[in-house]
Amino acid sequence: FRQAPGKEREGVSGISVSGGSTDYADSVKGRFTISRDNAENT
């Protein structure tokens, strides 16, 4: 999530438990990539 001054907090990107599914806010779609490494809790 992110929050800019004077704006509400917004969701940027999410990822499923396994990492197999992702979603992005329209404002960052195509520019941002979310990923996770479950072995490293990261």
ModelCIF file with pLDDT and N, C-alpha, C, O atoms, coordinates in Angstrom:
data_MODEL
#
_entry.id   MODEL 
#
_entity.id                         1 
_entity.type                       polymer 
_entity.pdbx_number_of_molecules   1 
#
_entity_poly.entity_id                      1 
_entity_poly.type                           'polypeptide(L)' 
_entity_poly.nstd_linkage                   no 
_entity_poly.nstd_monomer                   no 
_entity_poly.pdbx_seq_one_letter_code       FRQAPGKEREGVSGISVSGGSTDYADSVKGRFTISRDNAENT 
_entity_poly.pdbx_seq_one_letter_code_can   FRQAPGKEREGVSGISVSGGSTDYADSVKGRFTISRDNAENT 
_entity_poly.pdbx_strand_id                 A 
#
loop_
_entity_poly_seq.entity_id 
_entity_poly_seq.num 
_entity_poly_seq.mon_id 
_entity_poly_seq.hetero 
1 1  PHE n 
1 2  ARG n 
1 3  GLN n 
1 4  ALA n 
1 5  PRO n 
1 6  GLY n 
1 7  LYS n 
1 8  GLU n 
1 9  ARG n 
1 10 GLU n 
1 11 GLY n 
1 12 VAL n 
1 13 SER n 
1 14 GLY n 
1 15 ILE n 
1 16 SER n 
1 17 VAL n 
1 18 SER n 
1 19 GLY n 
1 20 GLY n 
1 21 SER n 
1 22 THR n 
1 23 ASP n 
1 24 TYR n 
1 25 ALA n 
1 26 ASP n 
1 27 SER n 
1 28 VAL n 
1 29 LYS n 
1 30 GLY n 
1 31 ARG n 
1 32 PHE n 
1 33 THR n 
1 34 ILE n 
1 35 SER n 
1 36 ARG n 
1 37 ASP n 
1 38 ASN n 
1 39 ALA n 
1 40 GLU n 
1 41 ASN n 
1 42 THR n 
#
_struct_asym.id          A 
_struct_asym.entity_id   1 
#
loop_
_ma_qa_metric.id 
_ma_qa_metric.mode 
_ma_qa_metric.name 
_ma_qa_metric.software_group_id 
_ma_qa_metric.type 
1 global pLDDT . pLDDT 
2 local  pLDDT . pLDDT 
#
_ma_qa_metric_global.metric_id      1 
_ma_qa_metric_global.metric_value   97.29 
_ma_qa_metric_global.model_id       1 
_ma_qa_metric_global.ordinal_id     1 
#
loop_
_ma_qa_metric_local.label_asym_id 
_ma_qa_metric_local.label_comp_id 
_ma_qa_metric_local.label_seq_id 
_ma_qa_metric_local.metric_id 
_ma_qa_metric_local.metric_value 
_ma_qa_metric_local.model_id 
_ma_qa_metric_local.ordinal_id 
A PHE 1  2 98.00 1 1  
A ARG 2  2 98.00 1 2  
A GLN 3  2 98.00 1 3  
A ALA 4  2 97.00 1 4  
A PRO 5  2 93.00 1 5  
A GLY 6  2 95.00 1 6  
A LYS 7  2 96.00 1 7  
A GLU 8  2 96.00 1 8  
A ARG 9  2 97.00 1 9  
A GLU 10 2 97.00 1 10 
A GLY 11 2 98.00 1 11 
A VAL 12 2 98.00 1 12 
A SER 13 2 98.00 1 13 
A GLY 14 2 98.00 1 14 
A ILE 15 2 98.00 1 15 
A SER 16 2 98.00 1 16 
A VAL 17 2 97.00 1 17 
A SER 18 2 96.00 1 18 
A GLY 19 2 97.00 1 19 
A GLY 20 2 97.00 1 20 
A SER 21 2 98.00 1 21 
A THR 22 2 98.00 1 22 
A ASP 23 2 98.00 1 23 
A TYR 24 2 98.00 1 24 
A ALA 25 2 97.00 1 25 
A ASP 26 2 97.00 1 26 
A SER 27 2 97.00 1 27 
A VAL 28 2 97.00 1 28 
A LYS 29 2 97.00 1 29 
A GLY 30 2 97.00 1 30 
A ARG 31 2 98.00 1 31 
A PHE 32 2 98.00 1 32 
A THR 33 2 98.00 1 33 
A ILE 34 2 98.00 1 34 
A SER 35 2 98.00 1 35 
A ARG 36 2 98.00 1 36 
A ASP 37 2 98.00 1 37 
A ASN 38 2 97.00 1 38 
A ALA 39 2 97.00 1 39 
A GLU 40 2 97.00 1 40 
A ASN 41 2 97.00 1 41 
A THR 42 2 98.00 1 42 
#
loop_
_atom_site.group_PDB 
_atom_site.id 
_atom_site.type_symbol 
_atom_site.label_atom_id 
_atom_site.label_alt_id 
_atom_site.label_comp_id 
_atom_site.label_asym_id 
_atom_site.label_entity_id 
_atom_site.label_seq_id 
_atom_site.pdbx_PDB_ins_code 
_atom_site.Cartn_x 
_atom_site.Cartn_y 
_atom_site.Cartn_z 
_atom_site.occupancy 
_atom_site.B_iso_or_equiv 
_atom_site.pdbx_formal_charge 
_atom_site.auth_seq_id 
_atom_site.auth_comp_id 
_atom_site.auth_asym_id 
_atom_site.auth_atom_id 
_atom_site.pdbx_PDB_model_num 
ATOM 1   N N  . PHE A 1 1  ? 0.846  -1.183  0.000   1.00 98.00 ? 1  PHE A N  1 
ATOM 2   C CA . PHE A 1 1  ? 0.000  0.000   0.000   1.00 98.00 ? 1  PHE A CA 1 
ATOM 3   C C  . PHE A 1 1  ? 0.882  1.233   0.000   1.00 98.00 ? 1  PHE A C  1 
ATOM 4   O O  . PHE A 1 1  ? 2.073  1.158   0.303   1.00 98.00 ? 1  PHE A O  1 
ATOM 5   N N  . ARG A 1 2  ? 0.295  2.359   -0.339  1.00 98.00 ? 2  ARG A N  1 
ATOM 6   C CA . ARG A 1 2  ? 1.040  3.608   -0.257  1.00 98.00 ? 2  ARG A CA 1 
ATOM 7   C C  . ARG A 1 2  ? 0.102  4.747   0.112   1.00 98.00 ? 2  ARG A C  1 
ATOM 8   O O  . ARG A 1 2  ? -1.104 4.683   -0.127  1.00 98.00 ? 2  ARG A O  1 
ATOM 9   N N  . GLN A 1 3  ? 0.673  5.784   0.695   1.00 98.00 ? 3  GLN A N  1 
ATOM 10  C CA . GLN A 1 3  ? -0.095 6.960   1.063   1.00 98.00 ? 3  GLN A CA 1 
ATOM 11  C C  . GLN A 1 3  ? 0.747  8.197   0.808   1.00 98.00 ? 3  GLN A C  1 
ATOM 12  O O  . GLN A 1 3  ? 1.834  8.353   1.364   1.00 98.00 ? 3  GLN A O  1 
ATOM 13  N N  . ALA A 1 4  ? 0.233  9.067   -0.036  1.00 97.00 ? 4  ALA A N  1 
ATOM 14  C CA . ALA A 1 4  ? 0.864  10.340  -0.323  1.00 97.00 ? 4  ALA A CA 1 
ATOM 15  C C  . ALA A 1 4  ? 0.228  11.423  0.539   1.00 97.00 ? 4  ALA A C  1 
ATOM 16  O O  . ALA A 1 4  ? -0.913 11.265  0.975   1.00 97.00 ? 4  ALA A O  1 
ATOM 17  N N  . PRO A 1 5  ? 0.936  12.517  0.795   1.00 93.00 ? 5  PRO A N  1 
ATOM 18  C CA . PRO A 1 5  ? 0.367  13.598  1.603   1.00 93.00 ? 5  PRO A CA 1 
ATOM 19  C C  . PRO A 1 5  ? -0.955 14.090  1.047   1.00 93.00 ? 5  PRO A C  1 
ATOM 20  O O  . PRO A 1 5  ? -1.072 14.358  -0.148  1.00 93.00 ? 5  PRO A O  1 
ATOM 21  N N  . GLY A 1 6  ? -1.945 14.207  1.910   1.00 95.00 ? 6  GLY A N  1 
ATOM 22  C CA . GLY A 1 6  ? -3.247 14.705  1.518   1.00 95.00 ? 6  GLY A CA 1 
ATOM 23  C C  . GLY A 1 6  ? -4.126 13.711  0.801   1.00 95.00 ? 6  GLY A C  1 
ATOM 24  O O  . GLY A 1 6  ? -5.219 14.069  0.361   1.00 95.00 ? 6  GLY A O  1 
ATOM 25  N N  . LYS A 1 7  ? -3.687 12.474  0.669   1.00 96.00 ? 7  LYS A N  1 
ATOM 26  C CA . LYS A 1 7  ? -4.458 11.456  -0.022  1.00 96.00 ? 7  LYS A CA 1 
ATOM 27  C C  . LYS A 1 7  ? -4.707 10.267  0.893   1.00 96.00 ? 7  LYS A C  1 
ATOM 28  O O  . LYS A 1 7  ? -3.981 10.044  1.862   1.00 96.00 ? 7  LYS A O  1 
ATOM 29  N N  . GLU A 1 8  ? -5.742 9.513   0.570   1.00 96.00 ? 8  GLU A N  1 
ATOM 30  C CA . GLU A 1 8  ? -6.032 8.294   1.307   1.00 96.00 ? 8  GLU A CA 1 
ATOM 31  C C  . GLU A 1 8  ? -5.029 7.204   0.951   1.00 96.00 ? 8  GLU A C  1 
ATOM 32  O O  . GLU A 1 8  ? -4.432 7.208   -0.125  1.00 96.00 ? 8  GLU A O  1 
ATOM 33  N N  . ARG A 1 9  ? -4.862 6.280   1.877   1.00 97.00 ? 9  ARG A N  1 
ATOM 34  C CA . ARG A 1 9  ? -4.031 5.127   1.594   1.00 97.00 ? 9  ARG A CA 1 
ATOM 35  C C  . ARG A 1 9  ? -4.666 4.294   0.486   1.00 97.00 ? 9  ARG A C  1 
ATOM 36  O O  . ARG A 1 9  ? -5.876 4.071   0.485   1.00 97.00 ? 9  ARG A O  1 
ATOM 37  N N  . GLU A 1 10 ? -3.857 3.842   -0.443  1.00 97.00 ? 10 GLU A N  1 
ATOM 38  C CA . GLU A 1 10 ? -4.358 3.057   -1.555  1.00 97.00 ? 10 GLU A CA 1 
ATOM 39  C C  . GLU A 1 10 ? -3.570 1.773   -1.703  1.00 97.00 ? 10 GLU A C  1 
ATOM 40  O O  . GLU A 1 10 ? -2.377 1.719   -1.402  1.00 97.00 ? 10 GLU A O  1 
ATOM 41  N N  . GLY A 1 11 ? -4.246 0.749   -2.166  1.00 98.00 ? 11 GLY A N  1 
ATOM 42  C CA . GLY A 1 11 ? -3.575 -0.488  -2.484  1.00 98.00 ? 11 GLY A CA 1 
ATOM 43  C C  . GLY A 1 11 ? -2.794 -0.357  -3.767  1.00 98.00 ? 11 GLY A C  1 
ATOM 44  O O  . GLY A 1 11 ? -3.308 0.147   -4.766  1.00 98.00 ? 11 GLY A O  1 
ATOM 45  N N  . VAL A 1 12 ? -1.564 -0.803  -3.749  1.00 98.00 ? 12 VAL A N  1 
ATOM 46  C CA . VAL A 1 12 ? -0.689 -0.750  -4.914  1.00 98.00 ? 12 VAL A CA 1 
ATOM 47  C C  . VAL A 1 12 ? -0.668 -2.083  -5.638  1.00 98.00 ? 12 VAL A C  1 
ATOM 48  O O  . VAL A 1 12 ? -0.847 -2.144  -6.855  1.00 98.00 ? 12 VAL A O  1 
ATOM 49  N N  . SER A 1 13 ? -0.448 -3.150  -4.885  1.00 98.00 ? 13 SER A N  1 
ATOM 50  C CA . SER A 1 13 ? -0.319 -4.468  -5.483  1.00 98.00 ? 13 SER A CA 1 
ATOM 51  C C  . SER A 1 13 ? -0.517 -5.530  -4.422  1.00 98.00 ? 13 SER A C  1 
ATOM 52  O O  . SER A 1 13 ? -0.189 -5.320  -3.254  1.00 98.00 ? 13 SER A O  1 
ATOM 53  N N  . GLY A 1 14 ? -1.053 -6.672  -4.828  1.00 98.00 ? 14 GLY A N  1 
ATOM 54  C CA . GLY A 1 14 ? -1.233 -7.793  -3.931  1.00 98.00 ? 14 GLY A CA 1 
ATOM 55  C C  . GLY A 1 14 ? -0.773 -9.085  -4.571  1.00 98.00 ? 14 GLY A C  1 
ATOM 56  O O  . GLY A 1 14 ? -0.686 -9.200  -5.794  1.00 98.00 ? 14 GLY A O  1 
ATOM 57  N N  . ILE A 1 15 ? -0.478 -10.060 -3.716  1.00 98.00 ? 15 ILE A N  1 
ATOM 58  C CA . ILE A 1 15 ? 0.010  -11.350 -4.188  1.00 98.00 ? 15 ILE A CA 1 
ATOM 59  C C  . ILE A 1 15 ? -0.577 -12.449 -3.315  1.00 98.00 ? 15 ILE A C  1 
ATOM 60  O O  . ILE A 1 15 ? -0.679 -12.297 -2.098  1.00 98.00 ? 15 ILE A O  1 
ATOM 61  N N  . SER A 1 16 ? -0.958 -13.545 -3.937  1.00 98.00 ? 16 SER A N  1 
ATOM 62  C CA . SER A 1 16 ? -1.577 -14.658 -3.224  1.00 98.00 ? 16 SER A CA 1 
ATOM 63  C C  . SER A 1 16 ? -0.560 -15.387 -2.368  1.00 98.00 ? 16 SER A C  1 
ATOM 64  O O  . SER A 1 16 ? 0.642  -15.134 -2.448  1.00 98.00 ? 16 SER A O  1 
ATOM 65  N N  . VAL A 1 17 ? -1.062 -16.294 -1.551  1.00 97.00 ? 17 VAL A N  1 
ATOM 66  C CA . VAL A 1 17 ? -0.217 -17.017 -0.600  1.00 97.00 ? 17 VAL A CA 1 
ATOM 67  C C  . VAL A 1 17 ? 0.936  -17.720 -1.297  1.00 97.00 ? 17 VAL A C  1 
ATOM 68  O O  . VAL A 1 17 ? 2.077  -17.652 -0.839  1.00 97.00 ? 17 VAL A O  1 
ATOM 69  N N  . SER A 1 18 ? 0.647  -18.390 -2.392  1.00 96.00 ? 18 SER A N  1 
ATOM 70  C CA . SER A 1 18 ? 1.667  -19.143 -3.105  1.00 96.00 ? 18 SER A CA 1 
ATOM 71  C C  . SER A 1 18 ? 2.532  -18.278 -4.010  1.00 96.00 ? 18 SER A C  1 
ATOM 72  O O  . SER A 1 18 ? 3.599  -18.708 -4.447  1.00 96.00 ? 18 SER A O  1 
ATOM 73  N N  . GLY A 1 19 ? 2.082  -17.071 -4.289  1.00 97.00 ? 19 GLY A N  1 
ATOM 74  C CA . GLY A 1 19 ? 2.747  -16.228 -5.256  1.00 97.00 ? 19 GLY A CA 1 
ATOM 75  C C  . GLY A 1 19 ? 2.282  -16.443 -6.678  1.00 97.00 ? 19 GLY A C  1 
ATOM 76  O O  . GLY A 1 19 ? 2.795  -15.809 -7.601  1.00 97.00 ? 19 GLY A O  1 
ATOM 77  N N  . GLY A 1 20 ? 1.310  -17.335 -6.871  1.00 97.00 ? 20 GLY A N  1 
ATOM 78  C CA . GLY A 1 20 ? 0.862  -17.662 -8.204  1.00 97.00 ? 20 GLY A CA 1 
ATOM 79  C C  . GLY A 1 20 ? -0.077 -16.655 -8.839  1.00 97.00 ? 20 GLY A C  1 
ATOM 80  O O  . GLY A 1 20 ? -0.288 -16.686 -10.052 1.00 97.00 ? 20 GLY A O  1 
ATOM 81  N N  . SER A 1 21 ? -0.647 -15.758 -8.036  1.00 98.00 ? 21 SER A N  1 
ATOM 82  C CA . SER A 1 21 ? -1.576 -14.757 -8.546  1.00 98.00 ? 21 SER A CA 1 
ATOM 83  C C  . SER A 1 21 ? -1.182 -13.394 -8.020  1.00 98.00 ? 21 SER A C  1 
ATOM 84  O O  . SER A 1 21 ? -0.787 -13.253 -6.862  1.00 98.00 ? 21 SER A O  1 
ATOM 85  N N  . THR A 1 22 ? -1.292 -12.395 -8.874  1.00 98.00 ? 22 THR A N  1 
ATOM 86  C CA . THR A 1 22 ? -0.969 -11.025 -8.499  1.00 98.00 ? 22 THR A CA 1 
ATOM 87  C C  . THR A 1 22 ? -1.993 -10.072 -9.075  1.00 98.00 ? 22 THR A C  1 
ATOM 88  O O  . THR A 1 22 ? -2.697 -10.398 -10.030 1.00 98.00 ? 22 THR A O  1 
ATOM 89  N N  . ASP A 1 23 ? -2.070 -8.880  -8.481  1.00 98.00 ? 23 ASP A N  1 
ATOM 90  C CA . ASP A 1 23 ? -2.916 -7.837  -9.015  1.00 98.00 ? 23 ASP A CA 1 
ATOM 91  C C  . ASP A 1 23 ? -2.279 -6.490  -8.715  1.00 98.00 ? 23 ASP A C  1 
ATOM 92  O O  . ASP A 1 23 ? -1.480 -6.355  -7.788  1.00 98.00 ? 23 ASP A O  1 
ATOM 93  N N  . TYR A 1 24 ? -2.650 -5.490  -9.520  1.00 98.00 ? 24 TYR A N  1 
ATOM 94  C CA . TYR A 1 24 ? -2.035 -4.178  -9.442  1.00 98.00 ? 24 TYR A CA 1 
ATOM 95  C C  . TYR A 1 24 ? -3.073 -3.084  -9.594  1.00 98.00 ? 24 TYR A C  1 
ATOM 96  O O  . TYR A 1 24 ? -4.060 -3.240  -10.313 1.00 98.00 ? 24 TYR A O  1 
ATOM 97  N N  . ALA A 1 25 ? -2.838 -1.977  -8.908  1.00 97.00 ? 25 ALA A N  1 
ATOM 98  C CA . ALA A 1 25 ? -3.637 -0.787  -9.154  1.00 97.00 ? 25 ALA A CA 1 
ATOM 99  C C  . ALA A 1 25 ? -3.402 -0.309  -10.581 1.00 97.00 ? 25 ALA A C  1 
ATOM 100 O O  . ALA A 1 25 ? -2.318 -0.479  -11.137 1.00 97.00 ? 25 ALA A O  1 
ATOM 101 N N  . ASP A 1 26 ? -4.439 0.294   -11.165 1.00 97.00 ? 26 ASP A N  1 
ATOM 102 C CA . ASP A 1 26 ? -4.312 0.780   -12.531 1.00 97.00 ? 26 ASP A CA 1 
ATOM 103 C C  . ASP A 1 26 ? -3.140 1.753   -12.681 1.00 97.00 ? 26 ASP A C  1 
ATOM 104 O O  . ASP A 1 26 ? -2.499 1.800   -13.730 1.00 97.00 ? 26 ASP A O  1 
ATOM 105 N N  . SER A 1 27 ? -2.869 2.515   -11.646 1.00 97.00 ? 27 SER A N  1 
ATOM 106 C CA . SER A 1 27 ? -1.836 3.533   -11.719 1.00 97.00 ? 27 SER A CA 1 
ATOM 107 C C  . SER A 1 27 ? -0.426 2.956   -11.852 1.00 97.00 ? 27 SER A C  1 
ATOM 108 O O  . SER A 1 27 ? 0.486  3.654   -12.297 1.00 97.00 ? 27 SER A O  1 
ATOM 109 N N  . VAL A 1 28 ? -0.241 1.702   -11.473 1.00 97.00 ? 28 VAL A N  1 
ATOM 110 C CA . VAL A 1 28 ? 1.085  1.095   -11.533 1.00 97.00 ? 28 VAL A CA 1 
ATOM 111 C C  . VAL A 1 28 ? 1.147  -0.113  -12.452 1.00 97.00 ? 28 VAL A C  1 
ATOM 112 O O  . VAL A 1 28 ? 2.223  -0.673  -12.665 1.00 97.00 ? 28 VAL A O  1 
ATOM 113 N N  . LYS A 1 29 ? 0.028  -0.515  -12.990 1.00 97.00 ? 29 LYS A N  1 
ATOM 114 C CA . LYS A 1 29 ? -0.015 -1.710  -13.837 1.00 97.00 ? 29 LYS A CA 1 
ATOM 115 C C  . LYS A 1 29 ? 0.908  -1.534  -15.044 1.00 97.00 ? 29 LYS A C  1 
ATOM 116 O O  . LYS A 1 29 ? 0.874  -0.512  -15.729 1.00 97.00 ? 29 LYS A O  1 
ATOM 117 N N  . GLY A 1 30 ? 1.712  -2.534  -15.282 1.00 97.00 ? 30 GLY A N  1 
ATOM 118 C CA . GLY A 1 30 ? 2.674  -2.484  -16.367 1.00 97.00 ? 30 GLY A CA 1 
ATOM 119 C C  . GLY A 1 30 ? 4.010  -1.885  -15.990 1.00 97.00 ? 30 GLY A C  1 
ATOM 120 O O  . GLY A 1 30 ? 4.974  -1.988  -16.748 1.00 97.00 ? 30 GLY A O  1 
ATOM 121 N N  . ARG A 1 31 ? 4.082  -1.254  -14.816 1.00 98.00 ? 31 ARG A N  1 
ATOM 122 C CA . ARG A 1 31 ? 5.322  -0.629  -14.363 1.00 98.00 ? 31 ARG A CA 1 
ATOM 123 C C  . ARG A 1 31 ? 5.904  -1.298  -13.128 1.00 98.00 ? 31 ARG A C  1 
ATOM 124 O O  . ARG A 1 31 ? 7.121  -1.303  -12.940 1.00 98.00 ? 31 ARG A O  1 
ATOM 125 N N  . PHE A 1 32 ? 5.048  -1.862  -12.286 1.00 98.00 ? 32 PHE A N  1 
ATOM 126 C CA . PHE A 1 32 ? 5.474  -2.478  -11.035 1.00 98.00 ? 32 PHE A CA 1 
ATOM 127 C C  . PHE A 1 32 ? 5.331  -3.994  -11.120 1.00 98.00 ? 32 PHE A C  1 
ATOM 128 O O  . PHE A 1 32 ? 4.472  -4.509  -11.835 1.00 98.00 ? 32 PHE A O  1 
ATOM 129 N N  . THR A 1 33 ? 6.175  -4.694  -10.387 1.00 98.00 ? 33 THR A N  1 
ATOM 130 C CA . THR A 1 33 ? 6.098  -6.133  -10.261 1.00 98.00 ? 33 THR A CA 1 
ATOM 131 C C  . THR A 1 33 ? 6.185  -6.517  -8.790  1.00 98.00 ? 33 THR A C  1 
ATOM 132 O O  . THR A 1 33 ? 7.116  -6.119  -8.090  1.00 98.00 ? 33 THR A O  1 
ATOM 133 N N  . ILE A 1 34 ? 5.213  -7.291  -8.330  1.00 98.00 ? 34 ILE A N  1 
ATOM 134 C CA . ILE A 1 34 ? 5.243  -7.820  -6.973  1.00 98.00 ? 34 ILE A CA 1 
ATOM 135 C C  . ILE A 1 34 ? 5.666  -9.283  -7.023  1.00 98.00 ? 34 ILE A C  1 
ATOM 136 O O  . ILE A 1 34 ? 5.286  -10.017 -7.935  1.00 98.00 ? 34 ILE A O  1 
ATOM 137 N N  . SER A 1 35 ? 6.444  -9.696  -6.051  1.00 98.00 ? 35 SER A N  1 
ATOM 138 C CA . SER A 1 35 ? 6.866  -11.087 -5.972  1.00 98.00 ? 35 SER A CA 1 
ATOM 139 C C  . SER A 1 35 ? 7.126  -11.443 -4.515  1.00 98.00 ? 35 SER A C  1 
ATOM 140 O O  . SER A 1 35 ? 7.216  -10.566 -3.657  1.00 98.00 ? 35 SER A O  1 
ATOM 141 N N  . ARG A 1 36 ? 7.243  -12.730 -4.249  1.00 98.00 ? 36 ARG A N  1 
ATOM 142 C CA . ARG A 1 36 ? 7.535  -13.163 -2.885  1.00 98.00 ? 36 ARG A CA 1 
ATOM 143 C C  . ARG A 1 36 ? 8.429  -14.384 -2.916  1.00 98.00 ? 36 ARG A C  1 
ATOM 144 O O  . ARG A 1 36 ? 8.390  -15.180 -3.854  1.00 98.00 ? 36 ARG A O  1 
ATOM 145 N N  . ASP A 1 37 ? 9.228  -14.518 -1.885  1.00 98.00 ? 37 ASP A N  1 
ATOM 146 C CA . ASP A 1 37 ? 10.091 -15.667 -1.688  1.00 98.00 ? 37 ASP A CA 1 
ATOM 147 C C  . ASP A 1 37 ? 9.694  -16.272 -0.352  1.00 98.00 ? 37 ASP A C  1 
ATOM 148 O O  . ASP A 1 37 ? 10.150 -15.822 0.699   1.00 98.00 ? 37 ASP A O  1 
ATOM 149 N N  . ASN A 1 38 ? 8.851  -17.285 -0.392  1.00 97.00 ? 38 ASN A N  1 
ATOM 150 C CA . ASN A 1 38 ? 8.332  -17.858 0.846   1.00 97.00 ? 38 ASN A CA 1 
ATOM 151 C C  . ASN A 1 38 ? 9.422  -18.541 1.667   1.00 97.00 ? 38 ASN A C  1 
ATOM 152 O O  . ASN A 1 38 ? 9.320  -18.607 2.892   1.00 97.00 ? 38 ASN A O  1 
ATOM 153 N N  . ALA A 1 39 ? 10.449 -19.043 1.016   1.00 97.00 ? 39 ALA A N  1 
ATOM 154 C CA . ALA A 1 39 ? 11.540 -19.663 1.745   1.00 97.00 ? 39 ALA A CA 1 
ATOM 155 C C  . ALA A 1 39 ? 12.301 -18.654 2.594   1.00 97.00 ? 39 ALA A C  1 
ATOM 156 O O  . ALA A 1 39 ? 12.910 -19.020 3.600   1.00 97.00 ? 39 ALA A O  1 
ATOM 157 N N  . GLU A 1 40 ? 12.270 -17.383 2.192   1.00 97.00 ? 40 GLU A N  1 
ATOM 158 C CA . GLU A 1 40 ? 12.977 -16.335 2.915   1.00 97.00 ? 40 GLU A CA 1 
ATOM 159 C C  . GLU A 1 40 ? 12.039 -15.389 3.652   1.00 97.00 ? 40 GLU A C  1 
ATOM 160 O O  . GLU A 1 40 ? 12.497 -14.394 4.214   1.00 97.00 ? 40 GLU A O  1 
ATOM 161 N N  . ASN A 1 41 ? 10.746 -15.669 3.666   1.00 97.00 ? 41 ASN A N  1 
ATOM 162 C CA . ASN A 1 41 ? 9.751  -14.810 4.330   1.00 97.00 ? 41 ASN A CA 1 
ATOM 163 C C  . ASN A 1 41 ? 9.841  -13.365 3.844   1.00 97.00 ? 41 ASN A C  1 
ATOM 164 O O  . ASN A 1 41 ? 9.762  -12.428 4.639   1.00 97.00 ? 41 ASN A O  1 
ATOM 165 N N  . THR A 1 42 ? 10.004 -13.197 2.553   1.00 98.00 ? 42 THR A N  1 
ATOM 166 C CA . THR A 1 42 ? 10.264 -11.877 2.010   1.00 98.00 ? 42 THR A CA 1 
ATOM 167 C C  . THR A 1 42 ? 9.339  -11.560 0.844   1.00 98.00 ? 42 THR A C  1 
ATOM 168 O O  . THR A 1 42 ? 9.424  -10.477 0.264   1.00 98.00 ? 42 THR A O  1 
#
